[in-house]
Amino acid sequence: MSAILIFLKAPHKGYVKTRLAHDVGPERALQAYRALVMRQCSALPTQAQLEVHYTPSDAGPEMQKWLGHTASYFPQKEGDLGTRLQGAIEQAFKRGAQTVTCIGGDCPQLETKHFEQANQLLAKGHDIVFGPSEDGGYYLAALKAPIPALFQDIPWSTGETLQVSLQRARDLQLKVGLLEALYDIDEVSELNRALADKRIQLECLPPDIQSG
């Protein structure tokens, strides 16, 4: 069984897409966040087990109402992103997953093929597969076993996240696979880029989302 773990915040105004909100306002940022998450969920392989790992910890009923009953829902652990990632990964493997793929909710270019490519690389002997983000992080991480040290003491949400993670993987003598680089949406220029791309369907966005 393949498990896909998507890490999300509850869709609350002022809580999500705060950098984007500086340009378009918190209401439009919330609308963009909802549209991005739904766009990304539409790209998930149907045969995989979906786990939604959410924050804050009391948002379970709200998340289930939003995203439906076919996924499993878990509150994120306390701690930095590395602690939350590793805790969720370990539990997914304990539940029987043979591969685990972790994603966020703000990569509009993510397609089903990227999950398939990641699993193919794992099947060919890679220990970890990253999907690099253009901002220096990564939009996807896929593993076939827990690797706790890979997520410890990483400068999260910086331009160095991926490079430090790659060096850590080399230090651990892991075989690393890389997918194509894609972009995340954190600022209005990136949102406009996605809206201008006819291949990307961002439904439920108001026509004036680009304005402040």
Protein backbone atom coordinates (compact mmCIF):
# COMPACT_ATOMS: atom_id res chain seq x y z
CA MET A 1 0.00 0.00 0.00
CA SER A 2 1.18 3.50 -0.86
CA ALA A 3 0.27 6.29 1.55
CA ILE A 4 0.11 9.97 0.67
CA LEU A 5 0.39 12.35 3.61
CA ILE A 6 -0.80 15.89 2.96
CA PHE A 7 0.07 18.46 5.62
CA LEU A 8 -2.50 21.23 5.87
CA LYS A 9 -3.68 24.08 8.02
CA ALA A 10 -7.37 24.51 8.73
CA PRO A 11 -8.84 27.05 6.28
CA HIS A 12 -9.12 30.01 8.63
CA LYS A 13 -8.80 33.61 7.49
CA GLY A 14 -5.56 35.10 8.78
CA TYR A 15 -4.12 31.64 9.53
CA VAL A 16 -3.23 30.48 6.01
CA LYS A 17 -1.15 32.08 3.26
CA THR A 18 -0.11 35.01 5.42
CA ARG A 19 2.52 36.25 2.94
CA LEU A 20 -0.01 36.21 0.14
CA ALA A 21 -2.49 37.98 2.41
CA HIS A 22 -0.17 40.99 2.63
CA ASP A 23 -0.80 41.58 -1.10
CA VAL A 24 -4.38 40.42 -1.68
CA GLY A 25 -5.92 40.53 1.79
CA PRO A 26 -6.76 37.67 4.17
CA GLU A 27 -10.11 36.80 2.56
CA ARG A 28 -8.66 36.40 -0.92
CA ALA A 29 -5.65 34.55 0.49
CA LEU A 30 -8.04 32.11 2.14
CA GLN A 31 -9.92 31.63 -1.13
CA ALA A 32 -6.63 30.98 -2.91
CA TYR A 33 -5.59 28.47 -0.25
CA ARG A 34 -8.83 26.55 -0.58
CA ALA A 35 -8.53 26.48 -4.36
CA LEU A 36 -4.89 25.34 -4.22
CA VAL A 37 -5.66 22.50 -1.82
CA MET A 38 -8.57 21.28 -3.94
CA ARG A 39 -6.43 21.53 -7.09
CA GLN A 40 -3.72 19.48 -5.44
CA CYS A 41 -6.14 16.87 -4.08
CA SER A 42 -7.49 16.38 -7.60
CA ALA A 43 -4.02 15.22 -8.69
CA LEU A 44 -3.68 12.48 -6.06
CA PRO A 45 -3.56 8.87 -7.29
CA THR A 46 -6.88 7.21 -6.52
CA GLN A 47 -5.30 3.91 -5.45
CA ALA A 48 -3.21 5.45 -2.66
CA GLN A 49 -4.29 5.78 0.96
CA LEU A 50 -4.70 9.48 1.72
CA GLU A 51 -3.86 10.83 5.16
CA VAL A 52 -4.63 14.44 6.04
CA HIS A 53 -2.36 15.74 8.79
CA TYR A 54 -3.86 18.98 10.05
CA THR A 55 -3.29 21.83 12.43
CA PRO A 56 -4.63 23.09 14.83
CA SER A 57 -5.27 19.88 16.69
CA ASP A 58 -9.01 20.48 17.17
CA ALA A 59 -9.72 20.99 13.45
CA GLY A 60 -10.47 17.35 12.63
CA PRO A 61 -14.26 17.65 12.11
CA GLU A 62 -13.81 20.82 10.06
CA MET A 63 -11.15 19.23 7.83
CA GLN A 64 -13.27 16.11 7.30
CA LYS A 65 -16.27 18.23 6.34
CA TRP A 66 -14.11 20.15 3.87
CA LEU A 67 -12.18 17.30 2.25
CA GLY A 68 -14.54 14.36 2.63
CA HIS A 69 -14.68 10.98 4.30
CA THR A 70 -12.40 8.91 2.06
CA ALA A 71 -9.21 10.12 3.77
CA SER A 72 -7.88 9.39 7.25
CA TYR A 73 -7.37 12.41 9.52
CA PHE A 74 -4.65 12.97 12.10
CA PRO A 75 -3.58 16.05 14.09
CA GLN A 76 0.01 17.07 13.50
CA LYS A 77 2.49 16.49 16.30
CA GLU A 78 3.95 19.36 18.28
CA GLY A 79 7.34 20.62 17.18
CA ASP A 80 9.02 21.91 14.05
CA LEU A 81 8.19 20.63 10.57
CA GLY A 82 10.83 17.91 10.78
CA THR A 83 9.35 16.52 13.98
CA ARG A 84 5.87 16.58 12.48
CA LEU A 85 6.99 14.95 9.25
CA GLN A 86 8.92 12.18 10.91
CA GLY A 87 6.17 11.41 13.42
CA ALA A 88 3.57 11.12 10.69
CA ILE A 89 5.86 9.04 8.47
CA GLU A 90 6.66 6.56 11.23
CA GLN A 91 2.98 6.09 12.03
CA ALA A 92 2.06 5.59 8.38
CA PHE A 93 4.63 2.81 8.05
CA LYS A 94 3.35 1.24 11.26
CA ARG A 95 -0.12 1.21 9.72
CA GLY A 96 1.22 -0.90 6.87
CA ALA A 97 2.31 1.53 4.18
CA GLN A 98 5.04 0.24 1.86
CA THR A 99 5.87 3.72 0.57
CA VAL A 100 5.05 7.10 2.05
CA THR A 101 4.86 10.35 0.09
CA CYS A 102 4.56 13.69 1.90
CA ILE A 103 3.25 16.88 0.31
CA GLY A 104 1.92 20.26 1.34
CA GLY A 105 -1.02 22.08 -0.16
CA ASP A 106 0.37 24.87 -2.33
CA CYS A 107 2.03 23.42 -5.44
CA PRO A 108 -0.33 24.07 -8.38
CA GLN A 109 1.78 22.16 -10.92
CA LEU A 110 1.69 18.88 -9.01
CA GLU A 111 0.26 16.07 -11.15
CA THR A 112 -0.49 12.38 -10.73
CA LYS A 113 2.62 11.61 -12.79
CA HIS A 114 4.86 13.05 -10.08
CA PHE A 115 3.60 10.51 -7.53
CA GLU A 116 4.06 7.73 -10.08
CA GLN A 117 7.59 8.87 -10.89
CA ALA A 118 8.49 9.01 -7.20
CA ASN A 119 7.26 5.46 -6.61
CA GLN A 120 9.12 4.26 -9.69
CA LEU A 121 12.36 5.70 -8.35
CA LEU A 122 11.77 4.06 -4.97
CA ALA A 123 11.14 0.74 -6.72
CA LYS A 124 14.45 1.14 -8.58
CA GLY A 125 16.40 1.36 -5.33
CA HIS A 126 16.32 4.99 -4.29
CA ASP A 127 15.91 5.55 -0.56
CA ILE A 128 14.39 9.03 -0.76
CA VAL A 129 12.87 11.05 -3.59
CA PHE A 130 12.53 14.82 -3.44
CA GLY A 131 10.46 17.10 -5.63
CA PRO A 132 12.45 20.35 -5.57
CA SER A 133 10.69 23.69 -5.26
CA GLU A 134 12.03 26.69 -7.12
CA ASP A 135 12.30 28.59 -3.84
CA GLY A 136 14.87 26.17 -2.41
CA GLY A 137 12.56 23.83 -0.52
CA TYR A 138 10.72 20.77 -1.74
CA TYR A 139 7.10 20.08 -2.61
CA LEU A 140 7.31 16.29 -2.22
CA ALA A 141 9.31 13.73 -0.26
CA ALA A 142 8.82 10.00 -0.83
CA LEU A 143 10.37 7.18 1.23
CA LYS A 144 10.19 3.41 1.49
CA ALA A 145 11.25 3.32 5.17
CA PRO A 146 11.47 5.81 8.04
CA ILE A 147 14.68 7.87 8.06
CA PRO A 148 14.50 9.94 11.28
CA ALA A 149 17.84 11.69 10.89
CA LEU A 150 16.85 13.05 7.49
CA PHE A 151 14.41 15.53 9.04
CA GLN A 152 16.37 16.65 12.10
CA ASP A 153 18.00 20.09 12.38
CA ILE A 154 16.92 21.28 8.93
CA PRO A 155 16.44 25.02 8.22
CA TRP A 156 12.78 24.75 7.25
CA SER A 157 11.05 27.33 5.04
CA THR A 158 14.30 28.82 3.78
CA GLY A 159 16.18 28.78 0.51
CA GLU A 160 18.56 26.22 2.02
CA THR A 161 16.02 23.55 2.95
CA LEU A 162 16.59 21.25 -0.01
CA GLN A 163 20.37 21.63 -0.17
CA VAL A 164 20.80 20.88 3.53
CA SER A 165 18.46 17.89 3.15
CA LEU A 166 20.46 16.60 0.18
CA GLN A 167 23.71 16.94 2.12
CA ARG A 168 22.12 15.10 5.05
CA ALA A 169 21.07 12.31 2.69
CA ARG A 170 24.64 12.07 1.38
CA ASP A 171 25.98 11.95 4.92
CA LEU A 172 23.56 9.08 5.62
CA GLN A 173 24.72 7.35 2.41
CA LEU A 174 21.21 7.36 0.98
CA LYS A 175 20.44 7.02 -2.70
CA VAL A 176 18.48 10.12 -3.69
CA GLY A 177 16.12 10.63 -6.61
CA LEU A 178 14.97 14.03 -7.83
CA LEU A 179 11.83 14.98 -9.72
CA GLU A 180 11.43 18.08 -11.86
CA ALA A 181 11.47 21.44 -10.11
CA LEU A 182 8.07 23.10 -9.59
CA TYR A 183 6.94 26.24 -7.82
CA ASP A 184 4.89 26.84 -4.69
CA ILE A 185 2.50 29.72 -4.18
CA ASP A 186 3.39 32.02 -1.31
CA GLU A 187 3.23 35.45 -2.96
CA VAL A 188 0.96 37.21 -5.43
CA SER A 189 3.46 36.93 -8.31
CA GLU A 190 3.39 33.15 -7.98
CA LEU A 191 -0.40 33.13 -7.82
CA ASN A 192 -0.57 35.24 -10.98
CA ARG A 193 1.82 32.82 -12.65
CA ALA A 194 -0.51 29.93 -11.88
CA LEU A 195 -3.60 31.84 -13.01
CA ALA A 196 -1.89 32.62 -16.33
CA ASP A 197 -1.10 28.94 -16.96
CA LYS A 198 -3.99 27.42 -18.93
CA ARG A 199 -2.92 23.92 -17.87
CA ILE A 200 -3.69 24.73 -14.24
CA GLN A 201 -7.32 24.85 -13.22
CA LEU A 202 -7.79 26.78 -9.99
CA GLU A 203 -11.51 26.54 -9.42
CA CYS A 204 -13.52 28.66 -6.98
CA LEU A 205 -11.22 31.66 -7.27
CA PRO A 206 -13.00 35.01 -7.67
CA PRO A 207 -12.06 37.02 -10.79
CA ASP A 208 -10.50 39.80 -8.71
CA ILE A 209 -8.19 37.52 -6.71
CA GLN A 210 -5.16 39.28 -8.22
CA SER A 211 -6.14 42.65 -6.84
CA GLY A 212 -5.33 43.89 -3.38
